[in-house]
Amino acid sequence: MLPRFVLIKGAGDLATGVAHRLYRSGFKVVLTEQEKPTVVRRTVSFAEAVFKGEWEVEGVRARCLTDPVQAFEVLAAGEVPVIVDPTLESLPILSPDVFIEVTLSKRNSGVDKGMAPLVVALGPGYHAGIDVHAVVETARGHYMGRVIYEGEAIPNTGIPGDIGGFTIERLLQAPCDGIFKASRRIGETVKKGEVVAFVDGQPIRSQIDGVLRGLLHDGLKVKKGMKAGDVDPRAQREHCFTISDKARAVAGGVLESILYLSRRRQLSVPFKTRRIPR
């Protein structure tokens, strides 16, 4: 019998893409988040439910909870629970079949294979076969979405993936420590040099022409250099309100890992994959 109950740590845009695909595939999905999520692509993130109470992404509605026991009622109503639970205190209460780490912290934050029958992590910082059962590649390029059953994802370079010929230029970064306040909205077109937000009165300017694909929620405390937004040079407004190609690719890898590992366990056949040179 295939696992059906999935707990995802994180509710940002990649986690939401994963949750959306699993939900549409018949899985019962629960996500956890911080009390004040620092999510940039808020329009396509279930994390926005923490601020709004509920949030919908491409026809799937999420609802914020503080009591994990209520998650079962929300699931029964056909919605996706988002529990404010940064330390995973709800894990033993929910006892999921599958646990997925999608905080993209680039390091192992204490995740291990004993947290659920199947444990999957996204991106670098985890060793498949040791820390977790599988790792899904998140780096843009040829291997994005690939499932790794032995080994690690491509190390973090600190440079965002290339979109429309731009990498680091796409980012909006906090100029200082302070409180974030947007002056523009997600989905609006901006020009290079335009002010799109402030941190304690200091402006954040777009480095390129494009559309504002993401911005932090107003009132959040930020640190100097912290990612506060994202400008998409392709300037397609609809991209701001739909799940990204990256999230869909990664979600496909997660779905594959669950089905593959479950099948192998049912057949009681040990799996081993050939490493692909990079």
Foldseek 3Di string as FASTA:
>chain_A
DFFAEEEEEDFEQLSLLLVVVSLVVRHQYEYEDALFDFHWLLLRTQVCCSVVQWHDAPHAIEGEDADLVCQVVCVVVSHYYYYNDNPPPCQVVRQGQEYEYEPPPQADPPAACVSHVAYEYEAHHDFAPGRGQWYAELADDDRQLPIDRGGGYDHDPVWADDAPNDINLFFWWAQAWAWKAFPDDALDWDAAQDFGIHGVNHTTGRRHTATWLTATDGGDTDGGGDTGTGGHRVRDSVCSRHRDPSSNSNSVSVVVVSVVVVVCVVVVHDDDDDDDDD
